[in-house]
Amino acid sequence: MFREFAVHRSLAWSFGVAAIVLGAAQSSAEVTVQHSDVIGQGMVGPVVAPDGAKLVRSEKGLNVSIRIPTPVGYVYPTGNMWNPDAVPGHPEVYSFWVFVFNYPEECAIPNACGLSDFGAGRGAPAAFNAGGHVLGDAPHLQLSGRISLNSTPFLPPGGALIEPETAEVHFAIAPHGQLSPEDMPNQINTPIGSPDHWWMAFFH
């Protein structure tokens, strides 16, 4: 009887392990991990961080992260309705933006979305603020965040995140210049500049 119990217990343990392994395999199959180079300021800038951007897709949203060497000697953008002009200083502020094209096949160049698509229509992106960071003397700038399914963007017209598994996604780091405590939190979570001032990565 004891032996029979031991056999059943062993079988139950084996099935349990198999179920856990199978569950893990199914779970990992639902997640897509992509890496992309990060380019310097400007849409065609040099690569500053090979595979420095990471995008994890699932049916529930996007996990985003980006890591580059701490920028030096870069171009500072002028202000806009949210932020004053960016000026050199110490420490400096950076924000992390994610542009989601839910329907990249509707872009002016299908599945290769660009600046011409930042208007209205199904090909337009939604802009999400994925994080911000005040950086002192660290050798690297690293930012990360999450965008959940149906979450509301900072800026339309692209609408909420609807197609996390198939959307075209662009990352951007925007430089805000010297920390200005009186302008926080706007300085860290609102846009500034244009692609000419951003470090970018692309996931098609």
Protein backbone atom coordinates (compact mmCIF):
# COMPACT_ATOMS: atom_id res chain seq x y z
CA MET A 1 0.00 0.00 0.00
CA PHE A 2 2.81 2.34 0.84
CA ARG A 3 4.50 1.44 -2.41
CA GLU A 4 1.29 2.14 -4.35
CA PHE A 5 0.98 5.52 -2.61
CA ALA A 6 4.60 6.31 -3.48
CA VAL A 7 4.00 5.45 -7.15
CA HIS A 8 0.90 7.65 -7.30
CA ARG A 9 2.75 10.44 -5.55
CA SER A 10 5.64 10.14 -7.99
CA LEU A 11 3.30 10.20 -10.96
CA ALA A 12 1.44 13.20 -9.54
CA TRP A 13 4.73 15.04 -9.05
CA SER A 14 5.80 14.19 -12.62
CA PHE A 15 2.52 15.42 -14.05
CA GLY A 16 2.79 18.56 -11.94
CA VAL A 17 6.27 19.31 -13.26
CA ALA A 18 5.10 18.61 -16.81
CA ALA A 19 2.16 20.99 -16.34
CA ILE A 20 4.46 23.71 -15.03
CA VAL A 21 6.87 23.25 -17.93
CA LEU A 22 4.03 23.22 -20.44
CA GLY A 23 2.50 26.30 -18.84
CA ALA A 24 5.83 28.11 -19.01
CA ALA A 25 6.22 27.13 -22.67
CA GLN A 26 2.75 28.40 -23.48
CA SER A 27 3.38 31.61 -21.58
CA SER A 28 6.69 32.27 -23.31
CA ALA A 29 5.07 31.56 -26.67
CA GLU A 30 2.74 34.49 -26.06
CA VAL A 31 5.61 36.93 -25.60
CA THR A 32 7.77 38.37 -28.37
CA VAL A 33 11.10 40.00 -27.50
CA GLN A 34 12.78 42.34 -29.98
CA HIS A 35 16.01 44.36 -29.86
CA SER A 36 17.00 47.31 -31.98
CA ASP A 37 19.96 49.65 -32.39
CA VAL A 38 19.66 53.15 -30.94
CA ILE A 39 20.70 55.89 -33.32
CA GLY A 40 22.02 59.33 -32.39
CA GLN A 41 20.20 62.62 -32.78
CA GLY A 42 18.36 62.78 -36.08
CA MET A 43 16.46 60.10 -37.95
CA VAL A 44 19.64 58.90 -39.69
CA GLY A 45 22.17 59.53 -36.93
CA PRO A 46 25.02 57.09 -36.14
CA VAL A 47 24.39 54.02 -33.98
CA VAL A 48 25.19 54.94 -30.37
CA ALA A 49 24.02 51.69 -28.72
CA PRO A 50 23.85 48.44 -30.73
CA ASP A 51 20.79 46.49 -29.54
CA GLY A 52 20.34 49.17 -26.87
CA ALA A 53 16.54 49.19 -27.19
CA LYS A 54 14.32 46.32 -26.07
CA LEU A 55 10.64 45.77 -26.77
CA VAL A 56 8.65 42.96 -25.17
CA ARG A 57 5.25 42.41 -26.77
CA SER A 58 2.27 40.51 -25.43
CA GLU A 59 -1.46 40.62 -25.97
CA LYS A 60 -1.70 42.72 -22.79
CA GLY A 61 0.73 45.47 -23.73
CA LEU A 62 4.33 46.52 -24.26
CA ASN A 63 7.32 46.53 -21.92
CA VAL A 64 9.88 49.03 -23.18
CA SER A 65 13.45 49.84 -22.21
CA ILE A 66 16.39 51.71 -23.70
CA ARG A 67 20.03 52.13 -22.65
CA ILE A 68 22.67 54.38 -24.20
CA PRO A 69 25.97 55.91 -23.11
CA THR A 70 25.34 59.17 -21.29
CA PRO A 71 25.03 61.80 -24.05
CA VAL A 72 27.71 64.46 -24.31
CA GLY A 73 28.09 67.42 -26.66
CA TYR A 74 24.65 67.11 -28.14
CA VAL A 75 22.19 69.59 -29.67
CA TYR A 76 19.69 71.09 -27.24
CA PRO A 77 16.11 71.71 -28.46
CA THR A 78 14.20 74.93 -28.02
CA GLY A 79 11.12 74.99 -25.85
CA ASN A 80 7.48 74.49 -26.70
CA MET A 81 4.12 75.04 -25.03
CA TRP A 82 5.09 72.66 -22.22
CA ASN A 83 8.79 73.17 -21.66
CA PRO A 84 11.25 76.08 -21.62
CA ASP A 85 14.37 75.98 -23.77
CA ALA A 86 16.77 73.17 -22.92
CA VAL A 87 20.18 74.44 -21.78
CA PRO A 88 23.34 72.59 -20.73
CA GLY A 89 23.83 72.00 -17.02
CA HIS A 90 24.12 69.43 -14.30
CA PRO A 91 22.19 67.26 -13.64
CA GLU A 92 20.20 66.95 -16.84
CA VAL A 93 16.71 65.65 -17.55
CA TYR A 94 15.62 63.15 -20.21
CA SER A 95 12.20 61.78 -21.09
CA PHE A 96 11.34 58.50 -22.81
CA TRP A 97 8.66 58.42 -25.52
CA VAL A 98 7.04 55.54 -27.37
CA PHE A 99 5.20 56.14 -30.64
CA VAL A 100 2.76 53.37 -31.50
CA PHE A 101 1.42 52.92 -35.03
CA ASN A 102 -1.46 50.49 -34.47
CA TYR A 103 -2.06 50.07 -38.19
CA PRO A 104 1.34 50.36 -39.92
CA GLU A 105 -0.12 49.05 -43.16
CA GLU A 106 -2.04 52.35 -43.33
CA CYS A 107 1.09 54.50 -43.22
CA ALA A 108 2.17 56.50 -46.27
CA ILE A 109 4.80 53.81 -46.85
CA PRO A 110 3.12 50.64 -45.59
CA ASN A 111 4.96 49.06 -42.64
CA ALA A 112 7.63 51.78 -42.71
CA CYS A 113 5.96 54.63 -40.84
CA GLY A 114 7.64 58.03 -40.60
CA LEU A 115 7.18 61.75 -40.02
CA SER A 116 4.64 62.08 -42.81
CA ASP A 117 2.28 59.89 -40.79
CA PHE A 118 2.15 62.20 -37.75
CA GLY A 119 -1.23 63.54 -38.80
CA ALA A 120 -4.74 62.16 -38.74
CA GLY A 121 -5.97 58.81 -39.94
CA ARG A 122 -5.49 55.14 -39.11
CA GLY A 123 -1.77 55.33 -39.89
CA ALA A 124 -1.10 58.06 -37.33
CA PRO A 125 0.79 57.19 -34.12
CA ALA A 126 -0.17 57.56 -30.50
CA ALA A 127 2.54 59.10 -28.28
CA PHE A 128 3.10 57.61 -24.84
CA ASN A 129 5.35 58.99 -22.11
CA ALA A 130 7.13 55.86 -20.86
CA GLY A 131 9.28 57.53 -18.21
CA GLY A 132 11.75 60.23 -17.33
CA HIS A 133 15.10 60.44 -15.59
CA VAL A 134 17.34 63.01 -13.95
CA LEU A 135 20.93 62.01 -14.74
CA GLY A 136 24.09 63.07 -12.95
CA ASP A 137 27.45 61.38 -13.47
CA ALA A 138 26.32 57.87 -14.44
CA PRO A 139 28.08 56.38 -17.49
CA HIS A 140 24.79 55.24 -19.03
CA LEU A 141 21.30 56.60 -19.43
CA GLN A 142 18.68 53.91 -18.93
CA LEU A 143 14.91 54.33 -19.08
CA SER A 144 12.06 51.83 -19.00
CA GLY A 145 8.31 51.64 -18.73
CA ARG A 146 5.16 49.79 -19.66
CA ILE A 147 2.24 50.60 -21.93
CA SER A 148 -0.85 48.53 -21.22
CA LEU A 149 -3.49 47.52 -23.72
CA ASN A 150 -6.05 50.31 -24.28
CA SER A 151 -4.03 52.79 -22.21
CA THR A 152 -4.59 56.45 -23.10
CA PRO A 153 -1.70 58.23 -24.88
CA PHE A 154 -0.23 61.57 -23.97
CA LEU A 155 -1.09 62.73 -27.48
CA PRO A 156 -3.54 61.33 -30.05
CA PRO A 157 -4.36 61.14 -32.93
CA GLY A 158 -3.39 57.48 -33.01
CA GLY A 159 -5.65 56.59 -30.10
CA ALA A 160 -5.02 54.02 -27.41
CA LEU A 161 -2.71 51.02 -27.68
CA ILE A 162 -4.89 48.55 -29.58
CA GLU A 163 -2.54 46.19 -31.42
CA PRO A 164 0.50 45.58 -29.17
CA GLU A 165 1.55 42.40 -30.97
CA THR A 166 1.59 43.84 -34.49
CA ALA A 167 1.98 47.62 -34.13
CA GLU A 168 5.03 49.42 -35.45
CA VAL A 169 6.81 51.01 -32.49
CA HIS A 170 9.36 53.84 -32.33
CA PHE A 171 11.33 54.80 -29.22
CA ALA A 172 12.67 58.29 -28.56
CA ILE A 173 14.78 59.85 -25.80
CA ALA A 174 14.22 63.61 -25.60
CA PRO A 175 16.78 65.87 -23.87
CA HIS A 176 15.40 68.59 -21.59
CA GLY A 177 18.69 70.11 -20.48
CA GLN A 178 19.54 71.19 -16.96
CA LEU A 179 17.16 70.20 -14.20
CA SER A 180 14.75 73.03 -13.39
CA PRO A 181 12.94 72.13 -10.14
CA GLU A 182 10.33 74.83 -10.64
CA ASP A 183 9.35 73.25 -13.97
CA MET A 184 8.87 69.76 -12.55
CA PRO A 185 7.06 67.49 -13.25
CA ASN A 186 6.35 69.04 -16.65
CA GLN A 187 10.03 69.02 -17.51
CA ILE A 188 10.25 65.25 -17.16
CA ASN A 189 6.94 64.04 -18.58
CA THR A 190 6.10 66.36 -21.47
CA PRO A 191 7.58 66.51 -24.99
CA ILE A 192 10.30 68.76 -26.30
CA GLY A 193 12.13 69.02 -29.58
CA SER A 194 11.77 66.90 -32.72
CA PRO A 195 13.49 63.84 -34.21
CA ASP A 196 16.48 66.08 -34.96
CA HIS A 197 17.06 66.21 -31.18
CA TRP A 198 16.09 62.66 -30.17
CA TRP A 199 17.92 59.36 -29.83
CA MET A 200 15.69 56.81 -31.52
CA ALA A 201 15.07 53.11 -32.12
CA PHE A 202 12.61 51.45 -34.48
CA PHE A 203 10.65 48.21 -34.29
CA HIS A 204 8.87 47.29 -37.50
